[in-house]
Amino acid sequence: MPNWFIQLAVAIIFSFIAFMLRPTPKPPKAATLADVKIPITKEGEEVGKIYGTVWLRSPQVHWYGDFKTRPIKSEVGKKG
């Protein structure tokens, strides 16, 4: 048996062992509303009127879309 054949077989065996012993990655945790940094208004806070172009130090956001989580139903590597 040629020497390269033995080396190839050992490489395949060690690759299989390394594949079986690798750690499984943890799935990422879903983002929550607390993770989104949006300046919001508080109850009782004044709402200013702005005319023209100005630079705001603390802009106020009164409403910005519906933040909902939706599960991903497709698998990785799947086409179509």
PDB file of N, CA and C in Angstrom:
ATOM      1  N   MET A   1       0.841  -1.167   0.000  1.00  0.00           N
ATOM      2  CA  MET A   1       0.000   0.000   0.000  1.00  0.00           C
ATOM      3  C   MET A   1       0.896   1.243   0.000  1.00  0.00           C
ATOM      4  N   PRO A   2       0.579   2.225  -0.866  1.00  0.00           N
ATOM      5  CA  PRO A   2       1.419   3.427  -0.928  1.00  0.00           C
ATOM      6  C   PRO A   2       1.320   4.254   0.354  1.00  0.00           C
ATOM      7  N   ASN A   3       2.375   5.001   0.629  1.00  0.00           N
ATOM      8  CA  ASN A   3       2.468   5.809   1.836  1.00  0.00           C
ATOM      9  C   ASN A   3       1.402   6.913   1.851  1.00  0.00           C
ATOM     10  N   TRP A   4       1.095   7.531   0.724  1.00  0.00           N
ATOM     11  CA  TRP A   4       0.126   8.619   0.681  1.00  0.00           C
ATOM     12  C   TRP A   4      -1.281   8.121   0.996  1.00  0.00           C
ATOM     13  N   PHE A   5      -1.567   6.867   0.696  1.00  0.00           N
ATOM     14  CA  PHE A   5      -2.888   6.300   0.981  1.00  0.00           C
ATOM     15  C   PHE A   5      -3.113   6.196   2.492  1.00  0.00           C
ATOM     16  N   ILE A   6      -2.087   5.795   3.223  1.00  0.00           N
ATOM     17  CA  ILE A   6      -2.181   5.710   4.685  1.00  0.00           C
ATOM     18  C   ILE A   6      -2.354   7.105   5.278  1.00  0.00           C
ATOM     19  N   GLN A   7      -1.601   8.071   4.770  1.00  0.00           N
ATOM     20  CA  GLN A   7      -1.719   9.438   5.262  1.00  0.00           C
ATOM     21  C   GLN A   7      -3.119  10.007   4.987  1.00  0.00           C
ATOM     22  N   LEU A   8      -3.679   9.696   3.821  1.00  0.00           N
ATOM     23  CA  LEU A   8      -5.028  10.149   3.482  1.00  0.00           C
ATOM     24  C   LEU A   8      -6.059   9.525   4.414  1.00  0.00           C
ATOM     25  N   ALA A   9      -5.925   8.240   4.692  1.00  0.00           N
ATOM     26  CA  ALA A   9      -6.856   7.563   5.588  1.00  0.00           C
ATOM     27  C   ALA A   9      -6.784   8.139   7.002  1.00  0.00           C
ATOM     28  N   VAL A  10      -5.583   8.396   7.501  1.00  0.00           N
ATOM     29  CA  VAL A  10      -5.420   8.989   8.840  1.00  0.00           C
ATOM     30  C   VAL A  10      -6.019  10.394   8.867  1.00  0.00           C
ATOM     31  N   ALA A  11      -5.820  11.177   7.806  1.00  0.00           N
ATOM     32  CA  ALA A  11      -6.373  12.531   7.737  1.00  0.00           C
ATOM     33  C   ALA A  11      -7.898  12.502   7.753  1.00  0.00           C
ATOM     34  N   ILE A  12      -8.480  11.563   7.028  1.00  0.00           N
ATOM     35  CA  ILE A  12      -9.943  11.445   6.996  1.00  0.00           C
ATOM     36  C   ILE A  12     -10.468  11.024   8.365  1.00  0.00           C
ATOM     37  N   ILE A  13      -9.812  10.106   9.013  1.00  0.00           N
ATOM     38  CA  ILE A  13     -10.239   9.651  10.349  1.00  0.00           C
ATOM     39  C   ILE A  13     -10.171  10.804  11.348  1.00  0.00           C
ATOM     40  N   PHE A  14      -9.057  11.556  11.354  1.00  0.00           N
ATOM     41  CA  PHE A  14      -8.926  12.671  12.292  1.00  0.00           C
ATOM     42  C   PHE A  14      -9.912  13.797  11.970  1.00  0.00           C
ATOM     43  N   SER A  15     -10.194  14.013  10.697  1.00  0.00           N
ATOM     44  CA  SER A  15     -11.185  15.020  10.331  1.00  0.00           C
ATOM     45  C   SER A  15     -12.562  14.630  10.838  1.00  0.00           C
ATOM     46  N   PHE A  16     -12.899  13.359  10.731  1.00  0.00           N
ATOM     47  CA  PHE A  16     -14.188  12.879  11.227  1.00  0.00           C
ATOM     48  C   PHE A  16     -14.273  13.023  12.747  1.00  0.00           C
ATOM     49  N   ILE A  17     -13.201  12.703  13.449  1.00  0.00           N
ATOM     50  CA  ILE A  17     -13.178  12.835  14.913  1.00  0.00           C
ATOM     51  C   ILE A  17     -13.312  14.301  15.315  1.00  0.00           C
ATOM     52  N   ALA A  18     -12.612  15.195  14.625  1.00  0.00           N
ATOM     53  CA  ALA A  18     -12.710  16.627  14.927  1.00  0.00           C
ATOM     54  C   ALA A  18     -14.119  17.139  14.657  1.00  0.00           C
ATOM     55  N   PHE A  19     -14.761  16.647  13.600  1.00  0.00           N
ATOM     56  CA  PHE A  19     -16.125  17.048  13.277  1.00  0.00           C
ATOM     57  C   PHE A  19     -17.092  16.589  14.363  1.00  0.00           C
ATOM     58  N   MET A  20     -16.917  15.404  14.876  1.00  0.00           N
ATOM     59  CA  MET A  20     -17.823  14.867  15.899  1.00  0.00           C
ATOM     60  C   MET A  20     -17.614  15.535  17.265  1.00  0.00           C
ATOM     61  N   LEU A  21     -16.413  16.003  17.561  1.00  0.00           N
ATOM     62  CA  LEU A  21     -16.107  16.589  18.860  1.00  0.00           C
ATOM     63  C   LEU A  21     -16.251  18.112  18.903  1.00  0.00           C
ATOM     64  N   ARG A  22     -16.613  18.738  17.790  1.00  0.00           N
ATOM     65  CA  ARG A  22     -16.713  20.197  17.774  1.00  0.00           C
ATOM     66  C   ARG A  22     -17.882  20.656  18.652  1.00  0.00           C
ATOM     67  N   PRO A  23     -17.766  21.832  19.280  1.00  0.00           N
ATOM     68  CA  PRO A  23     -18.873  22.332  20.100  1.00  0.00           C
ATOM     69  C   PRO A  23     -20.009  22.845  19.206  1.00  0.00           C
ATOM     70  N   THR A  24     -21.225  22.663  19.650  1.00  0.00           N
ATOM     71  CA  THR A  24     -22.362  23.155  18.881  1.00  0.00           C
ATOM     72  C   THR A  24     -22.614  24.610  19.264  1.00  0.00           C
ATOM     73  N   PRO A  25     -22.805  25.493  18.286  1.00  0.00           N
ATOM     74  CA  PRO A  25     -23.024  26.901  18.599  1.00  0.00           C
ATOM     75  C   PRO A  25     -24.408  27.118  19.210  1.00  0.00           C
ATOM     76  N   LYS A  26     -24.486  28.078  20.122  1.00  0.00           N
ATOM     77  CA  LYS A  26     -25.766  28.406  20.737  1.00  0.00           C
ATOM     78  C   LYS A  26     -26.553  29.295  19.783  1.00  0.00           C
ATOM     79  N   PRO A  27     -27.861  29.106  19.689  1.00  0.00           N
ATOM     80  CA  PRO A  27     -28.649  29.971  18.810  1.00  0.00           C
ATOM     81  C   PRO A  27     -28.694  31.392  19.379  1.00  0.00           C
ATOM     82  N   PRO A  28     -28.732  32.396  18.515  1.00  0.00           N
ATOM     83  CA  PRO A  28     -28.774  33.772  19.009  1.00  0.00           C
ATOM     84  C   PRO A  28     -30.111  34.065  19.675  1.00  0.00           C
ATOM     85  N   LYS A  29     -30.065  34.892  20.719  1.00  0.00           N
ATOM     86  CA  LYS A  29     -31.313  35.220  21.394  1.00  0.00           C
ATOM     87  C   LYS A  29     -32.008  36.334  20.630  1.00  0.00           C
ATOM     88  N   ALA A  30     -33.308  36.325  20.670  1.00  0.00           N
ATOM     89  CA  ALA A  30     -34.106  37.292  19.927  1.00  0.00           C
ATOM     90  C   ALA A  30     -33.953  38.671  20.541  1.00  0.00           C
ATOM     91  N   ALA A  31     -33.916  39.678  19.692  1.00  0.00           N
ATOM     92  CA  ALA A  31     -33.814  41.046  20.163  1.00  0.00           C
ATOM     93  C   ALA A  31     -35.134  41.462  20.805  1.00  0.00           C
ATOM     94  N   THR A  32     -35.041  42.231  21.845  1.00  0.00           N
ATOM     95  CA  THR A  32     -36.237  42.738  22.522  1.00  0.00           C
ATOM     96  C   THR A  32     -36.339  44.239  22.280  1.00  0.00           C
ATOM     97  N   LEU A  33     -37.415  44.822  22.710  1.00  0.00           N
ATOM     98  CA  LEU A  33     -37.606  46.245  22.542  1.00  0.00           C
ATOM     99  C   LEU A  33     -36.573  47.031  23.348  1.00  0.00           C
ATOM    100  N   ALA A  34     -36.081  46.445  24.433  1.00  0.00           N
ATOM    101  CA  ALA A  34     -35.059  47.112  25.242  1.00  0.00           C
ATOM    102  C   ALA A  34     -33.731  47.202  24.500  1.00  0.00           C
ATOM    103  N   ASP A  35     -33.489  46.346  23.506  1.00  0.00           N
ATOM    104  CA  ASP A  35     -32.245  46.376  22.738  1.00  0.00           C
ATOM    105  C   ASP A  35     -32.229  47.499  21.704  1.00  0.00           C
ATOM    106  N   VAL A  36     -33.401  48.006  21.347  1.00  0.00           N
ATOM    107  CA  VAL A  36     -33.506  49.064  20.349  1.00  0.00           C
ATOM    108  C   VAL A  36     -33.395  50.405  21.063  1.00  0.00           C
ATOM    109  N   LYS A  37     -32.429  51.200  20.663  1.00  0.00           N
ATOM    110  CA  LYS A  37     -32.197  52.498  21.297  1.00  0.00           C
ATOM    111  C   LYS A  37     -32.923  53.592  20.508  1.00  0.00           C
ATOM    112  N   ILE A  38     -34.156  53.901  20.914  1.00  0.00           N
ATOM    113  CA  ILE A  38     -34.947  54.932  20.272  1.00  0.00           C
ATOM    114  C   ILE A  38     -35.295  55.973  21.329  1.00  0.00           C
ATOM    115  N   PRO A  39     -35.018  57.244  21.065  1.00  0.00           N
ATOM    116  CA  PRO A  39     -35.427  58.259  22.026  1.00  0.00           C
ATOM    117  C   PRO A  39     -36.951  58.380  22.020  1.00  0.00           C
ATOM    118  N   ILE A  40     -37.564  58.219  23.150  1.00  0.00           N
ATOM    119  CA  ILE A  40     -39.027  58.261  23.229  1.00  0.00           C
ATOM    120  C   ILE A  40     -39.461  59.397  24.143  1.00  0.00           C
ATOM    121  N   THR A  41     -40.708  59.780  24.007  1.00  0.00           N
ATOM    122  CA  THR A  41     -41.252  60.818  24.875  1.00  0.00           C
ATOM    123  C   THR A  41     -41.855  60.179  26.107  1.00  0.00           C
ATOM    124  N   LYS A  42     -41.814  60.917  27.163  1.00  0.00           N
ATOM    125  CA  LYS A  42     -42.406  60.455  28.413  1.00  0.00           C
ATOM    126  C   LYS A  42     -43.675  61.235  28.669  1.00  0.00           C
ATOM    127  N   GLU A  43     -44.554  60.670  29.451  1.00  0.00           N
ATOM    128  CA  GLU A  43     -45.820  61.316  29.752  1.00  0.00           C
ATOM    129  C   GLU A  43     -45.562  62.622  30.498  1.00  0.00           C
ATOM    130  N   GLY A  44     -46.206  63.677  30.056  1.00  0.00           N
ATOM    131  CA  GLY A  44     -46.052  64.974  30.689  1.00  0.00           C
ATOM    132  C   GLY A  44     -44.933  65.812  30.106  1.00  0.00           C
ATOM    133  N   GLU A  45     -44.146  65.266  29.206  1.00  0.00           N
ATOM    134  CA  GLU A  45     -43.049  66.002  28.593  1.00  0.00           C
ATOM    135  C   GLU A  45     -43.576  66.885  27.475  1.00  0.00           C
ATOM    136  N   GLU A  46     -43.032  68.076  27.359  1.00  0.00           N
ATOM    137  CA  GLU A  46     -43.493  68.999  26.328  1.00  0.00           C
ATOM    138  C   GLU A  46     -43.011  68.553  24.951  1.00  0.00           C
ATOM    139  N   VAL A  47     -43.860  68.811  23.957  1.00  0.00           N
ATOM    140  CA  VAL A  47     -43.514  68.510  22.577  1.00  0.00           C
ATOM    141  C   VAL A  47     -43.286  69.839  21.876  1.00  0.00           C
ATOM    142  N   GLY A  48     -42.064  70.061  21.417  1.00  0.00           N
ATOM    143  CA  GLY A  48     -41.725  71.329  20.796  1.00  0.00           C
ATOM    144  C   GLY A  48     -42.056  71.355  19.310  1.00  0.00           C
ATOM    145  N   LYS A  49     -42.251  72.568  18.798  1.00  0.00           N
ATOM    146  CA  LYS A  49     -42.465  72.760  17.369  1.00  0.00           C
ATOM    147  C   LYS A  49     -41.183  73.329  16.780  1.00  0.00           C
ATOM    148  N   ILE A  50     -40.796  72.796  15.647  1.00  0.00           N
ATOM    149  CA  ILE A  50     -39.555  73.220  15.025  1.00  0.00           C
ATOM    150  C   ILE A  50     -39.877  73.774  13.649  1.00  0.00           C
ATOM    151  N   TYR A  51     -39.335  74.943  13.368  1.00  0.00           N
ATOM    152  CA  TYR A  51     -39.512  75.564  12.068  1.00  0.00           C
ATOM    153  C   TYR A  51     -38.138  75.704  11.430  1.00  0.00           C
ATOM    154  N   GLY A  52     -37.979  75.227  10.226  1.00  0.00           N
ATOM    155  CA  GLY A  52     -36.699  75.334   9.545  1.00  0.00           C
ATOM    156  C   GLY A  52     -35.806  74.141   9.846  1.00  0.00           C
ATOM    157  N   THR A  53     -34.533  74.293   9.587  1.00  0.00           N
ATOM    158  CA  THR A  53     -33.562  73.237   9.796  1.00  0.00           C
ATOM    159  C   THR A  53     -32.737  73.556  11.037  1.00  0.00           C
ATOM    160  N   VAL A  54     -32.804  72.670  12.017  1.00  0.00           N
ATOM    161  CA  VAL A  54     -32.055  72.862  13.256  1.00  0.00           C
ATOM    162  C   VAL A  54     -31.440  71.538  13.681  1.00  0.00           C
ATOM    163  N   TRP A  55     -30.458  71.603  14.562  1.00  0.00           N
ATOM    164  CA  TRP A  55     -29.838  70.408  15.128  1.00  0.00           C
ATOM    165  C   TRP A  55     -30.445  70.162  16.499  1.00  0.00           C
ATOM    166  N   LEU A  56     -31.030  68.968  16.710  1.00  0.00           N
ATOM    167  CA  LEU A  56     -31.670  68.648  17.974  1.00  0.00           C
ATOM    168  C   LEU A  56     -30.732  67.857  18.860  1.00  0.00           C
ATOM    169  N   ARG A  57     -30.664  68.223  20.120  1.00  0.00           N
ATOM    170  CA  ARG A  57     -29.826  67.474  21.051  1.00  0.00           C
ATOM    171  C   ARG A  57     -30.524  66.201  21.517  1.00  0.00           C
ATOM    172  N   SER A  58     -31.815  66.253  21.692  1.00  0.00           N
ATOM    173  CA  SER A  58     -32.563  65.058  22.112  1.00  0.00           C
ATOM    174  C   SER A  58     -33.880  65.007  21.338  1.00  0.00           C
ATOM    175  N   PRO A  59     -33.861  64.371  20.162  1.00  0.00           N
ATOM    176  CA  PRO A  59     -35.102  64.284  19.374  1.00  0.00           C
ATOM    177  C   PRO A  59     -36.120  63.389  20.076  1.00  0.00           C
ATOM    178  N   GLN A  60     -37.374  63.610  19.787  1.00  0.00           N
ATOM    179  CA  GLN A  60     -38.441  62.828  20.398  1.00  0.00           C
ATOM    180  C   GLN A  60     -39.145  62.013  19.320  1.00  0.00           C
ATOM    181  N   VAL A  61     -39.351  60.757  19.595  1.00  0.00           N
ATOM    182  CA  VAL A  61     -40.073  59.889  18.677  1.00  0.00           C
ATOM    183  C   VAL A  61     -41.381  59.515  19.363  1.00  0.00           C
ATOM    184  N   HIS A  62     -42.506  59.826  18.723  1.00  0.00           N
ATOM    185  CA  HIS A  62     -43.802  59.541  19.323  1.00  0.00           C
ATOM    186  C   HIS A  62     -44.333  58.178  18.905  1.00  0.00           C
ATOM    187  N   TRP A  63     -44.051  57.757  17.679  1.00  0.00           N
ATOM    188  CA  TRP A  63     -44.493  56.451  17.198  1.00  0.00           C
ATOM    189  C   TRP A  63     -43.552  56.029  16.079  1.00  0.00           C
ATOM    190  N   TYR A  64     -43.163  54.753  16.088  1.00  0.00           N
ATOM    191  CA  TYR A  64     -42.277  54.256  15.038  1.00  0.00           C
ATOM    192  C   TYR A  64     -42.577  52.789  14.805  1.00  0.00           C
ATOM    193  N   GLY A  65     -43.488  52.495  13.904  1.00  0.00           N
ATOM    194  CA  GLY A  65     -43.763  51.125  13.480  1.00  0.00           C
ATOM    195  C   GLY A  65     -44.219  50.191  14.590  1.00  0.00           C
ATOM    196  N   ASP A  66     -44.513  48.988  14.232  1.00  0.00           N
ATOM    197  CA  ASP A  66     -44.908  47.957  15.182  1.00  0.00           C
ATOM    198  C   ASP A  66     -43.738  47.001  15.365  1.00  0.00           C
ATOM    199  N   PHE A  67     -43.178  46.980  16.567  1.00  0.00           N
ATOM    200  CA  PHE A  67     -42.057  46.087  16.840  1.00  0.00           C
ATOM    201  C   PHE A  67     -42.609  44.741  17.281  1.00  0.00           C
ATOM    202  N   LYS A  68     -42.567  43.780  16.384  1.00  0.00           N
ATOM    203  CA  LYS A  68     -43.029  42.428  16.675  1.00  0.00           C
ATOM    204  C   LYS A  68     -41.972  41.449  16.212  1.00  0.00           C
ATOM    205  N   THR A  69     -41.882  40.336  16.893  1.00  0.00           N
ATOM    206  CA  THR A  69     -40.956  39.298  16.450  1.00  0.00           C
ATOM    207  C   THR A  69     -41.719  38.264  15.646  1.00  0.00           C
ATOM    208  N   ARG A  70     -41.091  37.811  14.593  1.00  0.00           N
ATOM    209  CA  ARG A  70     -41.678  36.758  13.759  1.00  0.00           C
ATOM    210  C   ARG A  70     -40.643  35.655  13.614  1.00  0.00           C
ATOM    211  N   PRO A  71     -41.025  34.407  13.831  1.00  0.00           N
ATOM    212  CA  PRO A  71     -40.052  33.319  13.703  1.00  0.00           C
ATOM    213  C   PRO A  71     -39.614  33.137  12.246  1.00  0.00           C
ATOM    214  N   ILE A  72     -38.357  32.755  12.076  1.00  0.00           N
ATOM    215  CA  ILE A  72     -37.827  32.459  10.752  1.00  0.00           C
ATOM    216  C   ILE A  72     -38.188  31.025  10.440  1.00  0.00           C
ATOM    217  N   LYS A  73     -38.918  30.814   9.350  1.00  0.00           N
ATOM    218  CA  LYS A  73     -39.409  29.481   9.043  1.00  0.00           C
ATOM    219  C   LYS A  73     -38.606  28.762   7.962  1.00  0.00           C
ATOM    220  N   SER A  74     -37.601  29.415   7.394  1.00  0.00           N
ATOM    221  CA  SER A  74     -36.776  28.748   6.387  1.00  0.00           C
ATOM    222  C   SER A  74     -35.520  28.212   7.032  1.00  0.00           C
ATOM    223  N   GLU A  75     -34.942  27.190   6.418  1.00  0.00           N
ATOM    224  CA  GLU A  75     -33.724  26.579   6.935  1.00  0.00           C
ATOM    225  C   GLU A  75     -32.525  27.160   6.215  1.00  0.00           C
ATOM    226  N   VAL A  76     -31.392  27.133   6.868  1.00  0.00           N
ATOM    227  CA  VAL A  76     -30.158  27.660   6.289  1.00  0.00           C
ATOM    228  C   VAL A  76     -29.702  26.747   5.168  1.00  0.00           C
ATOM    229  N   GLY A  77     -29.326  27.337   4.053  1.00  0.00           N
ATOM    230  CA  GLY A  77     -28.822  26.571   2.940  1.00  0.00           C
ATOM    231  C   GLY A  77     -29.895  26.041   2.004  1.00  0.00           C
ATOM    232  N   LYS A  78     -31.143  26.300   2.341  1.00  0.00           N
ATOM    233  CA  LYS A  78     -32.240  25.815   1.504  1.00  0.00           C
ATOM    234  C   LYS A  78     -32.550  26.873   0.454  1.00  0.00           C
ATOM    235  N   LYS A  79     -32.630  26.483  -0.780  1.00  0.00           N
ATOM    236  CA  LYS A  79     -32.937  27.412  -1.860  1.00  0.00           C
ATOM    237  C   LYS A  79     -34.380  27.227  -2.283  1.00  0.00           C
ATOM    238  N   GLY A  80     -34.958  28.335  -2.694  1.00  0.00           N
ATOM    239  CA  GLY A  80     -36.284  28.245  -3.277  1.00  0.00           C
ATOM    240  C   GLY A  80     -37.303  28.708  -2.392  1.00  0.00           C
TER     241      GLY A  80
END
